[in-house]
PDB file of all heavy atoms in Angstrom:
ATOM      1  N   MET A   1      34.951  20.798  77.313  1.00  0.00           N
ATOM      2  CA  MET A   1      33.855  21.623  76.948  1.00  0.00           C
ATOM      3  C   MET A   1      32.538  20.921  77.137  1.00  0.00           C
ATOM      4  O   MET A   1      31.446  21.544  77.280  1.00  0.00           O
ATOM      5  CB  MET A   1      33.991  22.061  75.496  1.00  0.00           C
ATOM      6  CG  MET A   1      35.253  22.994  75.229  1.00  0.00           C
ATOM      7  SD  MET A   1      35.444  23.435  73.519  1.00  0.00           S
ATOM      8  CE  MET A   1      33.829  24.291  73.171  1.00  0.00           C
ATOM      9  N   ASN A   2      32.534  19.570  77.005  1.00  0.00           N
ATOM     10  CA  ASN A   2      31.254  18.796  77.097  1.00  0.00           C
ATOM     11  C   ASN A   2      31.050  18.058  78.352  1.00  0.00           C
ATOM     12  O   ASN A   2      29.923  17.533  78.603  1.00  0.00           O
ATOM     13  CB  ASN A   2      31.237  17.831  75.902  1.00  0.00           C
ATOM     14  CG  ASN A   2      31.300  18.545  74.501  1.00  0.00           C
ATOM     15  OD1 ASN A   2      30.648  19.572  74.318  1.00  0.00           O
ATOM     16  ND2 ASN A   2      32.149  17.949  73.662  1.00  0.00           N
ATOM     17  N   VAL A   3      32.058  17.918  79.173  1.00  0.00           N
ATOM     18  CA  VAL A   3      31.948  17.093  80.381  1.00  0.00           C
ATOM     19  C   VAL A   3      31.055  17.840  81.422  1.00  0.00           C
ATOM     20  O   VAL A   3      30.999  19.043  81.496  1.00  0.00           O
ATOM     21  CB  VAL A   3      33.301  16.793  80.915  1.00  0.00           C
ATOM     22  CG1 VAL A   3      33.931  17.970  81.647  1.00  0.00           C
ATOM     23  CG2 VAL A   3      33.237  15.589  81.921  1.00  0.00           C
ATOM     24  N   THR A   4      30.445  17.071  82.227  1.00  0.00           N
ATOM     25  CA  THR A   4      29.556  17.604  83.312  1.00  0.00           C
ATOM     26  C   THR A   4      30.441  18.333  84.384  1.00  0.00           C
ATOM     27  O   THR A   4      31.590  17.918  84.531  1.00  0.00           O
ATOM     28  CB  THR A   4      28.711  16.503  84.015  1.00  0.00           C
ATOM     29  OG1 THR A   4      28.043  17.078  85.054  1.00  0.00           O
ATOM     30  CG2 THR A   4      29.584  15.426  84.498  1.00  0.00           C
ATOM     31  N   GLU A   5      29.939  19.312  84.975  1.00  0.00           N
ATOM     32  CA  GLU A   5      30.666  19.979  86.039  1.00  0.00           C
ATOM     33  C   GLU A   5      30.960  19.168  87.235  1.00  0.00           C
ATOM     34  O   GLU A   5      31.769  19.502  88.086  1.00  0.00           O
ATOM     35  CB  GLU A   5      29.942  21.305  86.462  1.00  0.00           C
ATOM     36  CG  GLU A   5      29.721  22.232  85.368  1.00  0.00           C
ATOM     37  CD  GLU A   5      29.012  23.549  85.771  1.00  0.00           C
ATOM     38  OE1 GLU A   5      28.566  23.526  86.959  1.00  0.00           O
ATOM     39  OE2 GLU A   5      28.856  24.477  84.963  1.00  0.00           O
ATOM     40  N   LYS A   6      30.313  17.982  87.339  1.00  0.00           N
ATOM     41  CA  LYS A   6      30.510  17.149  88.509  1.00  0.00           C
ATOM     42  C   LYS A   6      31.797  16.388  88.375  1.00  0.00           C
ATOM     43  O   LYS A   6      32.173  15.587  89.348  1.00  0.00           O
ATOM     44  CB  LYS A   6      29.253  16.247  88.660  1.00  0.00           C
ATOM     45  CG  LYS A   6      27.981  16.950  89.040  1.00  0.00           C
ATOM     46  CD  LYS A   6      26.845  15.946  89.159  1.00  0.00           C
ATOM     47  CE  LYS A   6      25.541  16.681  89.461  1.00  0.00           C
ATOM     48  NZ  LYS A   6      24.428  15.752  89.620  1.00  0.00           N
ATOM     49  N   ILE A   7      32.456  16.367  87.254  1.00  0.00           N
ATOM     50  CA  ILE A   7      33.741  15.630  87.017  1.00  0.00           C
ATOM     51  C   ILE A   7      34.802  16.682  86.653  1.00  0.00           C
ATOM     52  O   ILE A   7      34.591  17.531  85.859  1.00  0.00           O
ATOM     53  CB  ILE A   7      33.529  14.609  85.870  1.00  0.00           C
ATOM     54  CG1 ILE A   7      32.459  13.501  86.276  1.00  0.00           C
ATOM     55  CG2 ILE A   7      34.837  13.929  85.626  1.00  0.00           C
ATOM     56  CD1 ILE A   7      32.199  12.544  85.171  1.00  0.00           C
ATOM     57  N   THR A   8      35.931  16.443  87.273  1.00  0.00           N
ATOM     58  CA  THR A   8      37.077  17.382  87.138  1.00  0.00           C
ATOM     59  C   THR A   8      38.098  16.712  86.231  1.00  0.00           C
ATOM     60  O   THR A   8      38.501  15.565  86.525  1.00  0.00           O
ATOM     61  CB  THR A   8      37.705  17.800  88.448  1.00  0.00           C
ATOM     62  OG1 THR A   8      36.718  18.342  89.285  1.00  0.00           O
ATOM     63  CG2 THR A   8      38.849  18.802  88.242  1.00  0.00           C
ATOM     64  N   LEU A   9      38.549  17.392  85.221  1.00  0.00           N
ATOM     65  CA  LEU A   9      39.704  16.983  84.318  1.00  0.00           C
ATOM     66  C   LEU A   9      40.884  17.694  84.767  1.00  0.00           C
ATOM     67  O   LEU A   9      41.049  18.926  84.670  1.00  0.00           O
ATOM     68  CB  LEU A   9      39.342  17.241  82.923  1.00  0.00           C
ATOM     69  CG  LEU A   9      38.021  16.615  82.328  1.00  0.00           C
ATOM     70  CD1 LEU A   9      37.957  16.899  80.824  1.00  0.00           C
ATOM     71  CD2 LEU A   9      38.001  15.129  82.671  1.00  0.00           C
ATOM     72  N   LYS A  10      41.885  16.887  85.352  1.00  0.00           N
ATOM     73  CA  LYS A  10      43.096  17.543  85.870  1.00  0.00           C
ATOM     74  C   LYS A  10      44.275  17.101  84.947  1.00  0.00           C
ATOM     75  O   LYS A  10      44.555  15.966  84.710  1.00  0.00           O
ATOM     76  CB  LYS A  10      43.366  17.035  87.296  1.00  0.00           C
ATOM     77  CG  LYS A  10      44.555  17.718  87.966  1.00  0.00           C
ATOM     78  CD  LYS A  10      44.728  17.372  89.402  1.00  0.00           C
ATOM     79  CE  LYS A  10      45.888  18.025  90.022  1.00  0.00           C
ATOM     80  NZ  LYS A  10      46.080  17.658  91.449  1.00  0.00           N
ATOM     81  N   ARG A  11      45.005  18.099  84.484  1.00  0.00           N
ATOM     82  CA  ARG A  11      46.222  17.866  83.614  1.00  0.00           C
ATOM     83  C   ARG A  11      47.485  17.909  84.425  1.00  0.00           C
ATOM     84  O   ARG A  11      47.748  18.892  85.089  1.00  0.00           O
ATOM     85  CB  ARG A  11      46.186  18.902  82.477  1.00  0.00           C
ATOM     86  CG  ARG A  11      44.811  19.057  81.802  1.00  0.00           C
ATOM     87  CD  ARG A  11      44.857  20.081  80.670  1.00  0.00           C
ATOM     88  NE  ARG A  11      43.568  20.510  80.259  1.00  0.00           N
ATOM     89  CZ  ARG A  11      43.302  21.009  79.078  1.00  0.00           C
ATOM     90  NH1 ARG A  11      44.258  21.128  78.151  1.00  0.00           N
ATOM     91  NH2 ARG A  11      42.064  21.340  78.754  1.00  0.00           N
ATOM     92  N   GLU A  12      48.245  16.891  84.152  1.00  0.00           N
ATOM     93  CA  GLU A  12      49.661  16.892  84.767  1.00  0.00           C
ATOM     94  C   GLU A  12      50.614  16.517  83.660  1.00  0.00           C
ATOM     95  O   GLU A  12      51.279  15.529  83.654  1.00  0.00           O
ATOM     96  CB  GLU A  12      49.658  15.849  85.878  1.00  0.00           C
ATOM     97  CG  GLU A  12      48.761  16.117  87.079  1.00  0.00           C
ATOM     98  CD  GLU A  12      48.733  15.040  88.099  1.00  0.00           C
ATOM     99  OE1 GLU A  12      49.558  14.122  87.995  1.00  0.00           O
ATOM    100  OE2 GLU A  12      48.012  15.190  89.045  1.00  0.00           O
ATOM    101  N   LEU A  13      50.671  17.468  82.661  1.00  0.00           N
ATOM    102  CA  LEU A  13      51.418  17.262  81.445  1.00  0.00           C
ATOM    103  C   LEU A  13      52.752  17.958  81.620  1.00  0.00           C
ATOM    104  O   LEU A  13      52.827  19.032  82.237  1.00  0.00           O
ATOM    105  CB  LEU A  13      50.686  17.685  80.317  1.00  0.00           C
ATOM    106  CG  LEU A  13      49.214  17.202  80.059  1.00  0.00           C
ATOM    107  CD1 LEU A  13      48.707  17.680  78.756  1.00  0.00           C
ATOM    108  CD2 LEU A  13      49.230  15.672  80.099  1.00  0.00           C
ATOM    109  N   SER A  14      53.770  17.373  80.998  1.00  0.00           N
ATOM    110  CA  SER A  14      55.136  18.012  80.948  1.00  0.00           C
ATOM    111  C   SER A  14      55.055  19.283  80.156  1.00  0.00           C
ATOM    112  O   SER A  14      54.294  19.425  79.215  1.00  0.00           O
ATOM    113  CB  SER A  14      56.123  17.024  80.413  1.00  0.00           C
ATOM    114  OG  SER A  14      57.348  17.643  80.288  1.00  0.00           O
ATOM    115  N   SER A  15      55.985  20.167  80.463  1.00  0.00           N
ATOM    116  CA  SER A  15      56.073  21.488  79.701  1.00  0.00           C
ATOM    117  C   SER A  15      56.955  21.340  78.477  1.00  0.00           C
ATOM    118  O   SER A  15      57.143  22.272  77.718  1.00  0.00           O
ATOM    119  CB  SER A  15      56.553  22.607  80.580  1.00  0.00           C
ATOM    120  OG  SER A  15      57.845  22.267  81.101  1.00  0.00           O
ATOM    121  N   GLY A  16      57.630  20.236  78.257  1.00  0.00           N
ATOM    122  CA  GLY A  16      58.537  20.080  77.166  1.00  0.00           C
ATOM    123  C   GLY A  16      57.836  19.776  75.890  1.00  0.00           C
ATOM    124  O   GLY A  16      56.559  19.671  75.835  1.00  0.00           O
ATOM    125  N   LYS A  17      58.620  19.592  74.772  1.00  0.00           N
ATOM    126  CA  LYS A  17      58.051  19.340  73.515  1.00  0.00           C
ATOM    127  C   LYS A  17      58.536  17.981  73.116  1.00  0.00           C
ATOM    128  O   LYS A  17      59.769  17.812  73.034  1.00  0.00           O
ATOM    129  CB  LYS A  17      58.403  20.427  72.527  1.00  0.00           C
ATOM    130  CG  LYS A  17      57.744  21.750  72.748  1.00  0.00           C
ATOM    131  CD  LYS A  17      58.041  22.753  71.668  1.00  0.00           C
ATOM    132  CE  LYS A  17      57.398  24.129  71.963  1.00  0.00           C
ATOM    133  NZ  LYS A  17      57.586  25.036  70.820  1.00  0.00           N
ATOM    134  N   TYR A  18      57.659  17.036  72.722  1.00  0.00           N
ATOM    135  CA  TYR A  18      58.007  15.677  72.419  1.00  0.00           C
ATOM    136  C   TYR A  18      57.352  15.380  71.110  1.00  0.00           C
ATOM    137  O   TYR A  18      56.177  15.353  70.952  1.00  0.00           O
ATOM    138  CB  TYR A  18      57.633  14.674  73.518  1.00  0.00           C
ATOM    139  CG  TYR A  18      58.102  15.102  74.799  1.00  0.00           C
ATOM    140  CD1 TYR A  18      57.273  15.479  75.851  1.00  0.00           C
ATOM    141  CD2 TYR A  18      59.479  14.965  75.109  1.00  0.00           C
ATOM    142  CE1 TYR A  18      57.738  15.757  77.116  1.00  0.00           C
ATOM    143  CE2 TYR A  18      59.975  15.225  76.374  1.00  0.00           C
ATOM    144  CZ  TYR A  18      59.088  15.678  77.352  1.00  0.00           C
ATOM    145  OH  TYR A  18      59.564  16.008  78.626  1.00  0.00           O
ATOM    146  N   ASN A  19      58.217  15.089  70.070  1.00  0.00           N
ATOM    147  CA  ASN A  19      57.646  14.805  68.682  1.00  0.00           C
ATOM    148  C   ASN A  19      57.523  13.277  68.558  1.00  0.00           C
ATOM    149  O   ASN A  19      58.419  12.447  68.966  1.00  0.00           O
ATOM    150  CB  ASN A  19      58.603  15.300  67.648  1.00  0.00           C
ATOM    151  CG  ASN A  19      58.655  16.795  67.701  1.00  0.00           C
ATOM    152  OD1 ASN A  19      57.683  17.474  67.834  1.00  0.00           O
ATOM    153  ND2 ASN A  19      59.829  17.372  67.419  1.00  0.00           N
ATOM    154  N   VAL A  20      56.366  12.890  68.129  1.00  0.00           N
ATOM    155  CA  VAL A  20      56.081  11.423  67.779  1.00  0.00           C
ATOM    156  C   VAL A  20      55.605  11.318  66.406  1.00  0.00           C
ATOM    157  O   VAL A  20      55.115  12.197  65.755  1.00  0.00           O
ATOM    158  CB  VAL A  20      55.051  10.886  68.793  1.00  0.00           C
ATOM    159  CG1 VAL A  20      55.607  10.821  70.208  1.00  0.00           C
ATOM    160  CG2 VAL A  20      53.718  11.726  68.743  1.00  0.00           C
ATOM    161  N   TRP A  21      55.758  10.072  65.870  1.00  0.00           N
ATOM    162  CA  TRP A  21      55.392   9.730  64.471  1.00  0.00           C
ATOM    163  C   TRP A  21      54.073   8.950  64.574  1.00  0.00           C
ATOM    164  O   TRP A  21      54.091   7.747  64.911  1.00  0.00           O
ATOM    165  CB  TRP A  21      56.475   8.992  63.887  1.00  0.00           C
ATOM    166  CG  TRP A  21      56.438   8.953  62.346  1.00  0.00           C
ATOM    167  CD1 TRP A  21      56.213   7.824  61.607  1.00  0.00           C
ATOM    168  CD2 TRP A  21      56.762   9.967  61.439  1.00  0.00           C
ATOM    169  NE1 TRP A  21      56.297   8.127  60.238  1.00  0.00           N
ATOM    170  CE2 TRP A  21      56.656   9.454  60.114  1.00  0.00           C
ATOM    171  CE3 TRP A  21      57.055  11.288  61.636  1.00  0.00           C
ATOM    172  CZ2 TRP A  21      56.880  10.240  59.020  1.00  0.00           C
ATOM    173  CZ3 TRP A  21      57.294  12.082  60.444  1.00  0.00           C
ATOM    174  CH2 TRP A  21      57.225  11.500  59.189  1.00  0.00           C
ATOM    175  N   LEU A  22      52.895   9.552  64.272  1.00  0.00           N
ATOM    176  CA  LEU A  22      51.622   8.843  64.467  1.00  0.00           C
ATOM    177  C   LEU A  22      50.646   9.399  63.495  1.00  0.00           C
ATOM    178  O   LEU A  22      50.776  10.305  62.792  1.00  0.00           O
ATOM    179  CB  LEU A  22      51.127   9.082  65.945  1.00  0.00           C
ATOM    180  CG  LEU A  22      50.997  10.441  66.490  1.00  0.00           C
ATOM    181  CD1 LEU A  22      49.679  11.102  65.982  1.00  0.00           C
ATOM    182  CD2 LEU A  22      51.049  10.413  68.033  1.00  0.00           C
ATOM    183  N   ASP A  23      49.492   8.566  63.420  1.00  0.00           N
ATOM    184  CA  ASP A  23      48.284   8.925  62.673  1.00  0.00           C
ATOM    185  C   ASP A  23      47.352   9.662  63.573  1.00  0.00           C
ATOM    186  O   ASP A  23      46.755   9.099  64.530  1.00  0.00           O
ATOM    187  CB  ASP A  23      47.680   7.618  62.089  1.00  0.00           C
ATOM    188  CG  ASP A  23      46.472   7.913  61.212  1.00  0.00           C
ATOM    189  OD1 ASP A  23      45.894   8.961  61.346  1.00  0.00           O
ATOM    190  OD2 ASP A  23      46.233   7.067  60.448  1.00  0.00           O
ATOM    191  N   PRO A  24      47.248  10.979  63.439  1.00  0.00           N
ATOM    192  CA  PRO A  24      46.423  11.781  64.428  1.00  0.00           C
ATOM    193  C   PRO A  24      44.940  11.267  64.454  1.00  0.00           C
ATOM    194  O   PRO A  24      44.410  11.287  65.558  1.00  0.00           O
ATOM    195  CB  PRO A  24      46.469  13.210  63.748  1.00  0.00           C
ATOM    196  CG  PRO A  24      47.657  13.216  62.950  1.00  0.00           C
ATOM    197  CD  PRO A  24      47.841  11.866  62.420  1.00  0.00           C
ATOM    198  N   ASP A  25      44.305  10.874  63.334  1.00  0.00           N
ATOM    199  CA  ASP A  25      42.949  10.377  63.422  1.00  0.00           C
ATOM    200  C   ASP A  25      42.833   9.162  64.224  1.00  0.00           C
ATOM    201  O   ASP A  25      41.973   9.011  65.100  1.00  0.00           O
ATOM    202  CB  ASP A  25      42.459  10.198  62.037  1.00  0.00           C
ATOM    203  CG  ASP A  25      42.321  11.502  61.236  1.00  0.00           C
ATOM    204  OD1 ASP A  25      42.205  12.565  61.837  1.00  0.00           O
ATOM    205  OD2 ASP A  25      42.405  11.418  60.026  1.00  0.00           O
ATOM    206  N   LYS A  26      43.748   8.210  64.064  1.00  0.00           N
ATOM    207  CA  LYS A  26      43.630   6.911  64.783  1.00  0.00           C
ATOM    208  C   LYS A  26      43.990   7.092  66.265  1.00  0.00           C
ATOM    209  O   LYS A  26      43.399   6.535  67.112  1.00  0.00           O
ATOM    210  CB  LYS A  26      44.554   5.910  64.087  1.00  0.00           C
ATOM    211  CG  LYS A  26      44.282   5.640  62.700  1.00  0.00           C
ATOM    212  CD  LYS A  26      42.836   5.166  62.526  1.00  0.00           C
ATOM    213  CE  LYS A  26      42.443   4.888  61.016  1.00  0.00           C
ATOM    214  NZ  LYS A  26      42.400   6.088  60.245  1.00  0.00           N
ATOM    215  N   MET A  27      44.998   7.980  66.540  1.00  0.00           N
ATOM    216  CA  MET A  27      45.397   8.197  67.966  1.00  0.00           C
ATOM    217  C   MET A  27      44.225   8.953  68.636  1.00  0.00           C
ATOM    218  O   MET A  27      44.052   8.743  69.821  1.00  0.00           O
ATOM    219  CB  MET A  27      46.687   8.945  67.985  1.00  0.00           C
ATOM    220  CG  MET A  27      47.279   9.050  69.390  1.00  0.00           C
ATOM    221  SD  MET A  27      47.445   7.427  70.216  1.00  0.00           S
ATOM    222  CE  MET A  27      48.471   6.557  69.088  1.00  0.00           C
ATOM    223  N   THR A  28      43.511   9.753  67.875  1.00  0.00           N
ATOM    224  CA  THR A  28      42.367  10.500  68.513  1.00  0.00           C
ATOM    225  C   THR A  28      41.294   9.460  68.889  1.00  0.00           C
ATOM    226  O   THR A  28      40.615   9.519  69.947  1.00  0.00           O
ATOM    227  CB  THR A  28      41.787  11.483  67.540  1.00  0.00           C
ATOM    228  OG1 THR A  28      42.763  12.482  67.231  1.00  0.00           O
ATOM    229  CG2 THR A  28      40.545  12.174  68.066  1.00  0.00           C
ATOM    230  N   GLN A  29      41.125   8.451  68.012  1.00  0.00           N
ATOM    231  CA  GLN A  29      40.142   7.404  68.375  1.00  0.00           C
ATOM    232  C   GLN A  29      40.622   6.632  69.639  1.00  0.00           C
ATOM    233  O   GLN A  29      39.771   6.234  70.397  1.00  0.00           O
ATOM    234  CB  GLN A  29      40.032   6.413  67.190  1.00  0.00           C
ATOM    235  CG  GLN A  29      39.031   5.386  67.324  1.00  0.00           C
ATOM    236  CD  GLN A  29      38.877   4.472  66.061  1.00  0.00           C
ATOM    237  OE1 GLN A  29      39.555   4.697  65.080  1.00  0.00           O
ATOM    238  NE2 GLN A  29      37.977   3.464  66.178  1.00  0.00           N
ATOM    239  N   VAL A  30      41.910   6.362  69.734  1.00  0.00           N
ATOM    240  CA  VAL A  30      42.355   5.727  70.940  1.00  0.00           C
ATOM    241  C   VAL A  30      42.117   6.491  72.196  1.00  0.00           C
ATOM    242  O   VAL A  30      41.478   6.026  73.161  1.00  0.00           O
ATOM    243  CB  VAL A  30      43.893   5.468  70.808  1.00  0.00           C
ATOM    244  CG1 VAL A  30      44.451   4.927  72.151  1.00  0.00           C
ATOM    245  CG2 VAL A  30      44.199   4.487  69.707  1.00  0.00           C
ATOM    246  N   LEU A  31      42.412   7.772  72.174  1.00  0.00           N
ATOM    247  CA  LEU A  31      42.192   8.654  73.309  1.00  0.00           C
ATOM    248  C   LEU A  31      40.720   8.886  73.596  1.00  0.00           C
ATOM    249  O   LEU A  31      40.330   8.944  74.785  1.00  0.00           O
ATOM    250  CB  LEU A  31      42.929  10.022  73.087  1.00  0.00           C
ATOM    251  CG  LEU A  31      44.396   9.942  73.074  1.00  0.00           C
ATOM    252  CD1 LEU A  31      45.054  11.285  72.665  1.00  0.00           C
ATOM    253  CD2 LEU A  31      45.012   9.558  74.426  1.00  0.00           C
ATOM    254  N   ASP A  32      39.919   8.981  72.527  1.00  0.00           N
ATOM    255  CA  ASP A  32      38.519   9.087  72.731  1.00  0.00           C
ATOM    256  C   ASP A  32      37.900   7.908  73.447  1.00  0.00           C
ATOM    257  O   ASP A  32      37.057   7.979  74.388  1.00  0.00           O
ATOM    258  CB  ASP A  32      37.789   9.274  71.381  1.00  0.00           C
ATOM    259  CG  ASP A  32      38.001  10.658  70.820  1.00  0.00           C
ATOM    260  OD1 ASP A  32      38.522  11.495  71.522  1.00  0.00           O
ATOM    261  OD2 ASP A  32      37.546  10.926  69.637  1.00  0.00           O
ATOM    262  N   ASN A  33      38.375   6.726  73.091  1.00  0.00           N
ATOM    263  CA  ASN A  33      37.817   5.496  73.756  1.00  0.00           C
ATOM    264  C   ASN A  33      38.234   5.428  75.177  1.00  0.00           C
ATOM    265  O   ASN A  33      37.463   5.127  76.074  1.00  0.00           O
ATOM    266  CB  ASN A  33      38.360   4.194  73.041  1.00  0.00           C
ATOM    267  CG  ASN A  33      37.700   4.042  71.694  1.00  0.00           C
ATOM    268  OD1 ASN A  33      36.556   4.492  71.426  1.00  0.00           O
ATOM    269  ND2 ASN A  33      38.300   3.322  70.743  1.00  0.00           N
ATOM    270  N   ILE A  34      39.505   5.796  75.451  1.00  0.00           N
ATOM    271  CA  ILE A  34      40.040   5.743  76.811  1.00  0.00           C
ATOM    272  C   ILE A  34      39.374   6.764  77.735  1.00  0.00           C
ATOM    273  O   ILE A  34      38.840   6.537  78.811  1.00  0.00           O
ATOM    274  CB  ILE A  34      41.539   5.885  76.874  1.00  0.00           C
ATOM    275  CG1 ILE A  34      42.251   4.692  76.058  1.00  0.00           C
ATOM    276  CG2 ILE A  34      42.109   5.966  78.284  1.00  0.00           C
ATOM    277  CD1 ILE A  34      43.755   4.906  75.927  1.00  0.00           C
ATOM    278  N   ILE A  35      39.335   8.048  77.203  1.00  0.00           N
ATOM    279  CA  ILE A  35      38.712   9.145  78.004  1.00  0.00           C
ATOM    280  C   ILE A  35      37.216   8.953  78.182  1.00  0.00           C
ATOM    281  O   ILE A  35      36.694   9.236  79.231  1.00  0.00           O
ATOM    282  CB  ILE A  35      39.099  10.454  77.355  1.00  0.00           C
ATOM    283  CG1 ILE A  35      40.613  10.631  77.345  1.00  0.00           C
ATOM    284  CG2 ILE A  35      38.478  11.617  78.138  1.00  0.00           C
ATOM    285  CD1 ILE A  35      41.031  11.930  76.520  1.00  0.00           C
ATOM    286  N   SER A  36      36.537   8.486  77.198  1.00  0.00           N
ATOM    287  CA  SER A  36      35.150   8.312  77.271  1.00  0.00           C
ATOM    288  C   SER A  36      34.824   7.195  78.294  1.00  0.00           C
ATOM    289  O   SER A  36      33.903   7.416  79.094  1.00  0.00           O
ATOM    290  CB  SER A  36      34.596   7.804  75.865  1.00  0.00           C
ATOM    291  OG  SER A  36      34.715   8.823  74.936  1.00  0.00           O
ATOM    292  N   ASN A  37      35.586   6.188  78.349  1.00  0.00           N
ATOM    293  CA  ASN A  37      35.417   5.166  79.412  1.00  0.00           C
ATOM    294  C   ASN A  37      35.674   5.759  80.773  1.00  0.00           C
ATOM    295  O   ASN A  37      34.976   5.444  81.816  1.00  0.00           O
ATOM    296  CB  ASN A  37      36.357   3.995  79.187  1.00  0.00           C
ATOM    297  CG  ASN A  37      35.866   3.046  78.136  1.00  0.00           C
ATOM    298  OD1 ASN A  37      34.675   3.143  77.713  1.00  0.00           O
ATOM    299  ND2 ASN A  37      36.742   2.246  77.649  1.00  0.00           N
ATOM    300  N   ALA A  38      36.718   6.635  80.915  1.00  0.00           N
ATOM    301  CA  ALA A  38      37.062   7.195  82.157  1.00  0.00           C
ATOM    302  C   ALA A  38      35.923   8.120  82.629  1.00  0.00           C
ATOM    303  O   ALA A  38      35.520   8.079  83.820  1.00  0.00           O
ATOM    304  CB  ALA A  38      38.305   8.042  82.091  1.00  0.00           C
ATOM    305  N   ILE A  39      35.318   8.828  81.753  1.00  0.00           N
ATOM    306  CA  ILE A  39      34.170   9.746  82.108  1.00  0.00           C
ATOM    307  C   ILE A  39      32.960   8.912  82.474  1.00  0.00           C
ATOM    308  O   ILE A  39      32.230   9.198  83.355  1.00  0.00           O
ATOM    309  CB  ILE A  39      33.900  10.722  80.957  1.00  0.00           C
ATOM    310  CG1 ILE A  39      35.126  11.692  80.805  1.00  0.00           C
ATOM    311  CG2 ILE A  39      32.623  11.498  81.192  1.00  0.00           C
ATOM    312  CD1 ILE A  39      34.955  12.582  79.569  1.00  0.00           C
ATOM    313  N   LYS A  40      32.839   7.830  81.665  1.00  0.00           N
ATOM    314  CA  LYS A  40      31.598   7.036  81.840  1.00  0.00           C
ATOM    315  C   LYS A  40      31.533   6.365  83.194  1.00  0.00           C
ATOM    316  O   LYS A  40      30.482   6.281  83.859  1.00  0.00           O
ATOM    317  CB  LYS A  40      31.591   5.969  80.715  1.00  0.00           C
ATOM    318  CG  LYS A  40      30.274   5.181  80.679  1.00  0.00           C
ATOM    319  CD  LYS A  40      30.442   4.062  79.603  1.00  0.00           C
ATOM    320  CE  LYS A  40      30.692   4.639  78.231  1.00  0.00           C
ATOM    321  NZ  LYS A  40      30.803   3.624  77.239  1.00  0.00           N
ATOM    322  N   TYR A  41      32.681   5.956  83.634  1.00  0.00           N
ATOM    323  CA  TYR A  41      32.716   5.130  84.907  1.00  0.00           C
ATOM    324  C   TYR A  41      33.141   6.002  86.091  1.00  0.00           C
ATOM    325  O   TYR A  41      33.344   5.450  87.163  1.00  0.00           O
ATOM    326  CB  TYR A  41      33.723   3.972  84.794  1.00  0.00           C
ATOM    327  CG  TYR A  41      33.209   2.938  83.800  1.00  0.00           C
ATOM    328  CD1 TYR A  41      33.761   2.875  82.512  1.00  0.00           C
ATOM    329  CD2 TYR A  41      32.205   2.031  84.163  1.00  0.00           C
ATOM    330  CE1 TYR A  41      33.297   1.909  81.597  1.00  0.00           C
ATOM    331  CE2 TYR A  41      31.730   1.159  83.233  1.00  0.00           C
ATOM    332  CZ  TYR A  41      32.313   1.114  81.959  1.00  0.00           C
ATOM    333  OH  TYR A  41      31.897   0.103  81.052  1.00  0.00           O
ATOM    334  N   SER A  42      33.383   7.339  85.904  1.00  0.00           N
ATOM    335  CA  SER A  42      33.755   8.168  87.048  1.00  0.00           C
ATOM    336  C   SER A  42      32.442   8.581  87.828  1.00  0.00           C
ATOM    337  O   SER A  42      31.425   8.889  87.279  1.00  0.00           O
ATOM    338  CB  SER A  42      34.440   9.468  86.517  1.00  0.00           C
ATOM    339  OG  SER A  42      35.727   9.162  86.062  1.00  0.00           O
TER     340      SER A  42
END
């Protein structure tokens, strides 16, 4: 929703359901850092 139109986000996710045991807030922080870097350097 916030990324510029000049960058394309392409999803290649499995259609299955996989349950994991995690802290959603901390994992969100992990993904935010990784994705933010990817957007920043794309």
